[in-house]
Amino acid sequence: MKKLLVLFMTAMMLALTAVCFASDGKDIDEQQKVVDVFLSGKAYSVLKPYMAPEMQKNFTEKQYTEMMANMKSDLGVLKDKNMVVFQKINGGDILRYLAKYEKGPVMDVIAVFKKDGEKFLLIDMAVVPPEADNAKAKTESGSDQAK
């Protein structure tokens, strides 16, 4: 009888855990699709419905087009990306990727989302060199300024 009770409790805990992970999984899938749309370089009109109003004001169609053109000329075509961090924040999520481009080094792609009702909206997006490279660049520029 005791074994049966332990088995039943274990099954219930696993079922509860599966339900919890499934809800986050749907959110992550939705957010990953937005990142894919952003990085694809499609028309701004395709990306706009996924952006929060404040991002639409601060990140215009012209800026998006220029950013994609600069990335293509400097980095080349996106070859591969892997999500390495999913972080819950107050009212939203942060997704962080390592992305390999044809001509350039591996880059960090950071996407910040806020939850607006049942939908997640992009509030910020950055494609930057990895933090180790950023820290090295800051150190080097700081030592150059000291000279």
N, C-alpha and C. Protein backbone atom coordinates (compact mmCIF):
# COMPACT_ATOMS: atom_id res chain seq x y z
N MET A 1 0.82 -1.19 0.00
CA MET A 1 0.00 0.00 0.00
C MET A 1 0.87 1.26 0.00
N LYS A 2 1.94 1.23 0.79
CA LYS A 2 2.84 2.36 0.88
C LYS A 2 3.51 2.63 -0.47
N LYS A 3 3.92 1.57 -1.16
CA LYS A 3 4.57 1.70 -2.47
C LYS A 3 3.60 2.29 -3.48
N LEU A 4 2.37 1.90 -3.41
CA LEU A 4 1.35 2.40 -4.32
C LEU A 4 1.12 3.90 -4.10
N LEU A 5 1.12 4.33 -2.85
CA LEU A 5 0.95 5.74 -2.53
C LEU A 5 2.13 6.55 -3.04
N VAL A 6 3.35 6.07 -2.86
CA VAL A 6 4.55 6.76 -3.35
C VAL A 6 4.53 6.84 -4.87
N LEU A 7 4.15 5.76 -5.52
CA LEU A 7 4.06 5.74 -6.98
C LEU A 7 3.03 6.75 -7.48
N PHE A 8 1.88 6.80 -6.81
CA PHE A 8 0.83 7.74 -7.18
C PHE A 8 1.30 9.19 -7.00
N MET A 9 1.95 9.49 -5.89
CA MET A 9 2.45 10.85 -5.62
C MET A 9 3.49 11.25 -6.66
N THR A 10 4.38 10.33 -7.02
CA THR A 10 5.40 10.61 -8.03
C THR A 10 4.76 10.92 -9.38
N ALA A 11 3.77 10.15 -9.75
CA ALA A 11 3.07 10.37 -11.02
C ALA A 11 2.38 11.73 -11.03
N MET A 12 1.76 12.11 -9.93
CA MET A 12 1.09 13.40 -9.84
C MET A 12 2.09 14.56 -9.94
N MET A 13 3.23 14.42 -9.30
CA MET A 13 4.26 15.47 -9.36
C MET A 13 4.79 15.61 -10.78
N LEU A 14 5.01 14.51 -11.46
CA LEU A 14 5.48 14.55 -12.84
C LEU A 14 4.44 15.21 -13.75
N ALA A 15 3.19 14.90 -13.55
CA ALA A 15 2.12 15.49 -14.36
C ALA A 15 2.06 17.01 -14.14
N LEU A 16 2.15 17.44 -12.91
CA LEU A 16 2.13 18.87 -12.59
C LEU A 16 3.32 19.57 -13.21
N THR A 17 4.49 18.99 -13.12
CA THR A 17 5.70 19.56 -13.70
C THR A 17 5.57 19.68 -15.21
N ALA A 18 5.04 18.66 -15.85
CA ALA A 18 4.86 18.68 -17.31
C ALA A 18 3.93 19.81 -17.73
N VAL A 19 2.88 20.06 -16.99
CA VAL A 19 1.94 21.13 -17.31
C VAL A 19 2.63 22.49 -17.17
N CYS A 20 3.43 22.66 -16.14
CA CYS A 20 4.13 23.93 -15.93
C CYS A 20 5.11 24.20 -17.06
N PHE A 21 5.89 23.22 -17.45
CA PHE A 21 6.87 23.40 -18.52
C PHE A 21 6.18 23.61 -19.86
N ALA A 22 5.05 23.01 -20.08
CA ALA A 22 4.35 23.15 -21.35
C ALA A 22 3.90 24.58 -21.57
N SER A 23 3.46 25.29 -20.53
CA SER A 23 3.01 26.67 -20.70
C SER A 23 4.17 27.57 -21.08
N ASP A 24 5.34 27.41 -20.48
CA ASP A 24 6.51 28.20 -20.87
C ASP A 24 6.97 27.82 -22.27
N GLY A 25 6.83 26.58 -22.63
CA GLY A 25 7.25 26.13 -23.95
C GLY A 25 6.51 26.85 -25.06
N LYS A 26 5.21 27.06 -24.90
CA LYS A 26 4.41 27.77 -25.90
C LYS A 26 4.89 29.21 -26.03
N ASP A 27 5.18 29.85 -24.89
CA ASP A 27 5.68 31.23 -24.90
C ASP A 27 7.03 31.33 -25.60
N ILE A 28 7.91 30.41 -25.28
CA ILE A 28 9.24 30.41 -25.90
C ILE A 28 9.13 30.22 -27.40
N ASP A 29 8.28 29.30 -27.83
CA ASP A 29 8.09 29.06 -29.27
C ASP A 29 7.62 30.33 -29.97
N GLU A 30 6.67 31.02 -29.36
CA GLU A 30 6.14 32.26 -29.93
C GLU A 30 7.24 33.31 -30.05
N GLN A 31 8.04 33.44 -29.00
CA GLN A 31 9.10 34.44 -29.00
C GLN A 31 10.22 34.07 -29.99
N GLN A 32 10.53 32.80 -30.11
CA GLN A 32 11.55 32.38 -31.05
C GLN A 32 11.13 32.68 -32.49
N LYS A 33 9.85 32.56 -32.79
CA LYS A 33 9.36 32.90 -34.13
C LYS A 33 9.55 34.38 -34.42
N VAL A 34 9.36 35.23 -33.41
CA VAL A 34 9.56 36.66 -33.59
C VAL A 34 11.05 36.95 -33.87
N VAL A 35 11.93 36.29 -33.13
CA VAL A 35 13.37 36.46 -33.37
C VAL A 35 13.72 36.03 -34.79
N ASP A 36 13.15 34.92 -35.24
CA ASP A 36 13.39 34.44 -36.60
C ASP A 36 12.93 35.47 -37.64
N VAL A 37 11.77 36.07 -37.42
CA VAL A 37 11.26 37.09 -38.34
C VAL A 37 12.21 38.28 -38.36
N PHE A 38 12.64 38.72 -37.19
CA PHE A 38 13.54 39.87 -37.10
C PHE A 38 14.84 39.60 -37.86
N LEU A 39 15.47 38.45 -37.59
CA LEU A 39 16.77 38.15 -38.19
C LEU A 39 16.68 37.78 -39.67
N SER A 40 15.49 37.47 -40.14
CA SER A 40 15.35 37.09 -41.55
C SER A 40 15.52 38.28 -42.48
N GLY A 41 15.36 39.50 -41.96
CA GLY A 41 15.50 40.69 -42.78
C GLY A 41 14.29 40.94 -43.67
N LYS A 42 13.17 40.31 -43.34
CA LYS A 42 11.95 40.53 -44.14
C LYS A 42 11.51 41.98 -44.01
N ALA A 43 10.48 42.32 -44.73
CA ALA A 43 9.95 43.68 -44.70
C ALA A 43 9.57 44.08 -43.27
N TYR A 44 9.78 45.33 -42.97
CA TYR A 44 9.44 45.89 -41.66
C TYR A 44 7.96 45.67 -41.34
N SER A 45 7.12 45.71 -42.36
CA SER A 45 5.68 45.52 -42.14
C SER A 45 5.37 44.13 -41.60
N VAL A 46 6.22 43.15 -41.89
CA VAL A 46 6.03 41.79 -41.36
C VAL A 46 6.42 41.75 -39.88
N LEU A 47 7.45 42.50 -39.51
CA LEU A 47 7.94 42.53 -38.13
C LEU A 47 7.09 43.42 -37.23
N LYS A 48 6.55 44.49 -37.76
CA LYS A 48 5.86 45.52 -36.96
C LYS A 48 4.79 44.99 -36.01
N PRO A 49 3.94 44.03 -36.42
CA PRO A 49 2.91 43.56 -35.48
C PRO A 49 3.47 42.87 -34.22
N TYR A 50 4.71 42.45 -34.26
CA TYR A 50 5.33 41.78 -33.12
C TYR A 50 6.06 42.76 -32.19
N MET A 51 6.11 44.02 -32.58
CA MET A 51 6.85 45.01 -31.81
C MET A 51 5.92 45.82 -30.91
N ALA A 52 6.41 46.15 -29.72
CA ALA A 52 5.66 47.01 -28.81
C ALA A 52 5.61 48.42 -29.40
N PRO A 53 4.57 49.19 -29.08
CA PRO A 53 4.46 50.55 -29.63
C PRO A 53 5.69 51.41 -29.37
N GLU A 54 6.29 51.31 -28.19
CA GLU A 54 7.48 52.11 -27.89
C GLU A 54 8.67 51.72 -28.77
N MET A 55 8.77 50.45 -29.11
CA MET A 55 9.85 50.02 -30.01
C MET A 55 9.58 50.53 -31.43
N GLN A 56 8.32 50.52 -31.85
CA GLN A 56 7.97 51.02 -33.17
C GLN A 56 8.34 52.50 -33.32
N LYS A 57 8.17 53.26 -32.23
CA LYS A 57 8.53 54.69 -32.26
C LYS A 57 10.05 54.88 -32.34
N ASN A 58 10.79 54.06 -31.59
CA ASN A 58 12.23 54.23 -31.49
C ASN A 58 13.04 53.47 -32.52
N PHE A 59 12.41 52.56 -33.24
CA PHE A 59 13.11 51.72 -34.21
C PHE A 59 12.29 51.73 -35.50
N THR A 60 12.62 52.66 -36.36
CA THR A 60 11.82 52.89 -37.57
C THR A 60 12.15 51.89 -38.68
N GLU A 61 11.36 51.93 -39.71
CA GLU A 61 11.58 51.07 -40.87
C GLU A 61 12.94 51.35 -41.49
N LYS A 62 13.30 52.63 -41.57
CA LYS A 62 14.59 53.02 -42.15
C LYS A 62 15.74 52.43 -41.32
N GLN A 63 15.65 52.52 -40.00
CA GLN A 63 16.70 51.97 -39.12
C GLN A 63 16.81 50.46 -39.27
N TYR A 64 15.66 49.79 -39.35
CA TYR A 64 15.67 48.33 -39.50
C TYR A 64 16.32 47.93 -40.83
N THR A 65 15.93 48.62 -41.89
CA THR A 65 16.48 48.31 -43.21
C THR A 65 17.99 48.55 -43.23
N GLU A 66 18.44 49.67 -42.66
CA GLU A 66 19.88 49.96 -42.60
C GLU A 66 20.62 48.94 -41.76
N MET A 67 20.03 48.55 -40.63
CA MET A 67 20.66 47.56 -39.76
C MET A 67 20.85 46.23 -40.49
N MET A 68 19.80 45.78 -41.16
CA MET A 68 19.88 44.51 -41.89
C MET A 68 20.91 44.58 -43.02
N ALA A 69 20.97 45.72 -43.73
CA ALA A 69 21.94 45.89 -44.81
C ALA A 69 23.36 45.88 -44.26
N ASN A 70 23.59 46.58 -43.14
CA ASN A 70 24.92 46.60 -42.51
C ASN A 70 25.33 45.22 -42.01
N MET A 71 24.39 44.51 -41.40
CA MET A 71 24.70 43.16 -40.91
C MET A 71 25.05 42.24 -42.08
N LYS A 72 24.31 42.36 -43.16
CA LYS A 72 24.58 41.50 -44.32
C LYS A 72 25.95 41.80 -44.92
N SER A 73 26.31 43.08 -45.00
CA SER A 73 27.61 43.41 -45.59
C SER A 73 28.77 43.09 -44.63
N ASP A 74 28.58 43.32 -43.33
CA ASP A 74 29.65 43.08 -42.36
C ASP A 74 29.77 41.63 -41.93
N LEU A 75 28.63 40.98 -41.72
CA LEU A 75 28.63 39.63 -41.15
C LEU A 75 28.29 38.54 -42.17
N GLY A 76 27.59 38.93 -43.22
CA GLY A 76 27.14 37.94 -44.19
C GLY A 76 25.82 37.33 -43.76
N VAL A 77 25.53 36.19 -44.30
CA VAL A 77 24.26 35.50 -44.05
C VAL A 77 24.32 34.75 -42.72
N LEU A 78 23.21 34.75 -42.00
CA LEU A 78 23.10 33.97 -40.76
C LEU A 78 23.15 32.49 -41.10
N LYS A 79 24.13 31.79 -40.54
CA LYS A 79 24.29 30.36 -40.81
C LYS A 79 23.61 29.48 -39.76
N ASP A 80 23.70 29.90 -38.49
CA ASP A 80 23.19 29.06 -37.41
C ASP A 80 22.98 29.92 -36.17
N LYS A 81 21.98 29.58 -35.39
CA LYS A 81 21.78 30.26 -34.10
C LYS A 81 21.26 29.25 -33.09
N ASN A 82 21.73 29.38 -31.88
CA ASN A 82 21.31 28.49 -30.80
C ASN A 82 20.94 29.32 -29.59
N MET A 83 19.74 29.08 -29.07
CA MET A 83 19.34 29.78 -27.85
C MET A 83 20.13 29.21 -26.68
N VAL A 84 20.75 30.10 -25.92
CA VAL A 84 21.56 29.66 -24.79
C VAL A 84 21.00 30.11 -23.44
N VAL A 85 20.13 31.13 -23.46
CA VAL A 85 19.56 31.61 -22.20
C VAL A 85 18.10 31.99 -22.42
N PHE A 86 17.25 31.54 -21.51
CA PHE A 86 15.87 32.00 -21.43
C PHE A 86 15.69 32.50 -20.01
N GLN A 87 15.39 33.78 -19.88
CA GLN A 87 15.30 34.38 -18.55
C GLN A 87 13.95 35.06 -18.38
N LYS A 88 13.27 34.73 -17.29
CA LYS A 88 12.01 35.39 -16.94
C LYS A 88 12.36 36.69 -16.21
N ILE A 89 11.71 37.77 -16.63
CA ILE A 89 11.85 39.04 -15.93
C ILE A 89 10.46 39.54 -15.58
N ASN A 90 10.39 40.57 -14.78
CA ASN A 90 9.10 41.11 -14.36
C ASN A 90 8.31 41.59 -15.58
N GLY A 91 7.27 40.86 -15.93
CA GLY A 91 6.41 41.25 -17.03
C GLY A 91 6.90 40.84 -18.41
N GLY A 92 7.89 39.95 -18.47
CA GLY A 92 8.37 39.55 -19.78
C GLY A 92 9.48 38.51 -19.72
N ASP A 93 10.19 38.40 -20.82
CA ASP A 93 11.25 37.40 -20.95
C ASP A 93 12.42 37.96 -21.75
N ILE A 94 13.59 37.36 -21.55
CA ILE A 94 14.77 37.67 -22.36
C ILE A 94 15.24 36.36 -22.98
N LEU A 95 15.46 36.39 -24.28
CA LEU A 95 16.04 35.25 -24.99
C LEU A 95 17.40 35.68 -25.50
N ARG A 96 18.38 34.81 -25.30
CA ARG A 96 19.74 35.12 -25.75
C ARG A 96 20.25 33.97 -26.60
N TYR A 97 20.80 34.32 -27.74
CA TYR A 97 21.30 33.34 -28.70
C TYR A 97 22.77 33.57 -28.97
N LEU A 98 23.45 32.53 -29.41
CA LEU A 98 24.75 32.65 -30.06
C LEU A 98 24.48 32.38 -31.53
N ALA A 99 24.84 33.34 -32.37
CA ALA A 99 24.54 33.25 -33.80
C ALA A 99 25.84 33.27 -34.61
N LYS A 100 25.95 32.33 -35.52
CA LYS A 100 27.13 32.24 -36.39
C LYS A 100 26.76 32.80 -37.75
N TYR A 101 27.55 33.76 -38.20
CA TYR A 101 27.35 34.38 -39.50
C TYR A 101 28.45 33.94 -40.46
N GLU A 102 28.15 34.06 -41.72
CA GLU A 102 29.02 33.61 -42.80
C GLU A 102 30.42 34.27 -42.74
N LYS A 103 30.49 35.58 -42.61
CA LYS A 103 31.77 36.29 -42.65
C LYS A 103 32.31 36.67 -41.28
N GLY A 104 31.44 36.78 -40.32
CA GLY A 104 31.84 37.34 -39.05
C GLY A 104 31.99 36.32 -37.95
N PRO A 105 32.30 36.82 -36.79
CA PRO A 105 32.44 35.94 -35.62
C PRO A 105 31.05 35.53 -35.10
N VAL A 106 31.08 34.71 -34.08
CA VAL A 106 29.83 34.38 -33.39
C VAL A 106 29.37 35.65 -32.68
N MET A 107 28.09 35.94 -32.80
CA MET A 107 27.52 37.15 -32.20
C MET A 107 26.48 36.77 -31.16
N ASP A 108 26.28 37.66 -30.20
CA ASP A 108 25.18 37.53 -29.24
C ASP A 108 23.95 38.19 -29.84
N VAL A 109 22.84 37.49 -29.79
CA VAL A 109 21.56 38.08 -30.19
C VAL A 109 20.71 38.08 -28.93
N ILE A 110 20.26 39.27 -28.54
CA ILE A 110 19.49 39.42 -27.31
C ILE A 110 18.14 40.03 -27.65
N ALA A 111 17.08 39.32 -27.30
CA ALA A 111 15.72 39.79 -27.56
C ALA A 111 14.98 39.92 -26.24
N VAL A 112 14.36 41.07 -26.03
CA VAL A 112 13.62 41.33 -24.79
C VAL A 112 12.14 41.49 -25.15
N PHE A 113 11.30 40.75 -24.45
CA PHE A 113 9.87 40.76 -24.70
C PHE A 113 9.12 41.19 -23.44
N LYS A 114 7.96 41.81 -23.66
CA LYS A 114 7.04 42.08 -22.55
C LYS A 114 5.73 41.40 -22.87
N LYS A 115 5.04 41.00 -21.84
CA LYS A 115 3.74 40.35 -22.04
C LYS A 115 2.66 41.42 -22.05
N ASP A 116 1.88 41.39 -23.12
CA ASP A 116 0.78 42.33 -23.29
C ASP A 116 -0.49 41.51 -23.44
N GLY A 117 -1.16 41.27 -22.33
CA GLY A 117 -2.32 40.37 -22.34
C GLY A 117 -1.85 38.95 -22.54
N GLU A 118 -2.29 38.32 -23.61
CA GLU A 118 -1.87 36.95 -23.92
C GLU A 118 -0.73 36.90 -24.93
N LYS A 119 -0.30 38.06 -25.39
CA LYS A 119 0.69 38.13 -26.47
C LYS A 119 2.01 38.72 -25.95
N PHE A 120 3.11 38.24 -26.49
CA PHE A 120 4.42 38.79 -26.17
C PHE A 120 4.84 39.75 -27.27
N LEU A 121 5.29 40.95 -26.88
CA LEU A 121 5.74 41.96 -27.83
C LEU A 121 7.21 42.25 -27.63
N LEU A 122 7.92 42.41 -28.72
CA LEU A 122 9.35 42.72 -28.70
C LEU A 122 9.54 44.16 -28.25
N ILE A 123 10.35 44.38 -27.22
CA ILE A 123 10.62 45.75 -26.76
C ILE A 123 12.07 46.17 -27.04
N ASP A 124 12.95 45.19 -27.28
CA ASP A 124 14.33 45.53 -27.61
C ASP A 124 14.99 44.33 -28.26
N MET A 125 15.93 44.61 -29.16
CA MET A 125 16.65 43.56 -29.88
C MET A 125 18.05 44.09 -30.14
N ALA A 126 19.04 43.26 -29.90
CA ALA A 126 20.43 43.66 -30.15
C ALA A 126 21.21 42.48 -30.72
N VAL A 127 22.08 42.80 -31.66
CA VAL A 127 23.03 41.84 -32.21
C VAL A 127 24.40 42.45 -31.94
N VAL A 128 25.12 41.85 -31.00
CA VAL A 128 26.39 42.43 -30.52
C VAL A 128 27.45 41.35 -30.40
N PRO A 129 28.73 41.78 -30.38
CA PRO A 129 29.78 40.79 -30.10
C PRO A 129 29.57 40.19 -28.72
N PRO A 130 30.03 38.97 -28.48
CA PRO A 130 29.88 38.36 -27.15
C PRO A 130 30.48 39.24 -26.05
N GLU A 131 29.98 39.08 -24.83
CA GLU A 131 30.40 39.92 -23.71
C GLU A 131 31.91 39.91 -23.48
N ALA A 132 32.56 38.77 -23.68
CA ALA A 132 34.00 38.70 -23.49
C ALA A 132 34.69 39.67 -24.44
N ASP A 133 34.21 39.75 -25.69
CA ASP A 133 34.78 40.68 -26.66
C ASP A 133 34.48 42.12 -26.26
N ASN A 134 33.28 42.38 -25.74
CA ASN A 134 32.92 43.73 -25.29
C ASN A 134 33.81 44.17 -24.14
N ALA A 135 34.02 43.27 -23.17
CA ALA A 135 34.88 43.61 -22.03
C ALA A 135 36.31 43.86 -22.48
N LYS A 136 36.79 43.04 -23.40
CA LYS A 136 38.15 43.21 -23.92
C LYS A 136 38.28 44.56 -24.64
N ALA A 137 37.29 44.90 -25.45
CA ALA A 137 37.31 46.17 -26.18
C ALA A 137 37.29 47.35 -25.21
N LYS A 138 36.48 47.26 -24.16
CA LYS A 138 36.43 48.34 -23.17
C LYS A 138 37.77 48.48 -22.45
N THR A 139 38.40 47.35 -22.11
CA THR A 139 39.69 47.37 -21.44
C THR A 139 40.74 48.00 -22.34
N GLU A 140 40.75 47.58 -23.61
CA GLU A 140 41.72 48.11 -24.55
C GLU A 140 41.51 49.59 -24.78
N SER A 141 40.26 50.03 -24.93
CA SER A 141 40.01 51.45 -25.17
C SER A 141 40.33 52.26 -23.92
N GLY A 142 40.10 51.67 -22.75
CA GLY A 142 40.44 52.36 -21.50
C GLY A 142 41.93 52.51 -21.33
N SER A 143 42.70 51.49 -21.73
CA SER A 143 44.15 51.59 -21.61
C SER A 143 44.72 52.55 -22.65
N ASP A 144 44.04 52.65 -23.83
CA ASP A 144 44.47 53.61 -24.85
C ASP A 144 44.25 55.04 -24.38
N GLN A 145 43.14 55.26 -23.67
CA GLN A 145 42.83 56.59 -23.19
C GLN A 145 43.80 57.00 -22.08
N ALA A 146 44.28 56.03 -21.33
CA ALA A 146 45.19 56.35 -20.23
C ALA A 146 46.56 56.77 -20.74
N LYS A 147 46.91 56.38 -21.96
CA LYS A 147 48.24 56.70 -22.50
C LYS A 147 48.37 58.11 -22.95
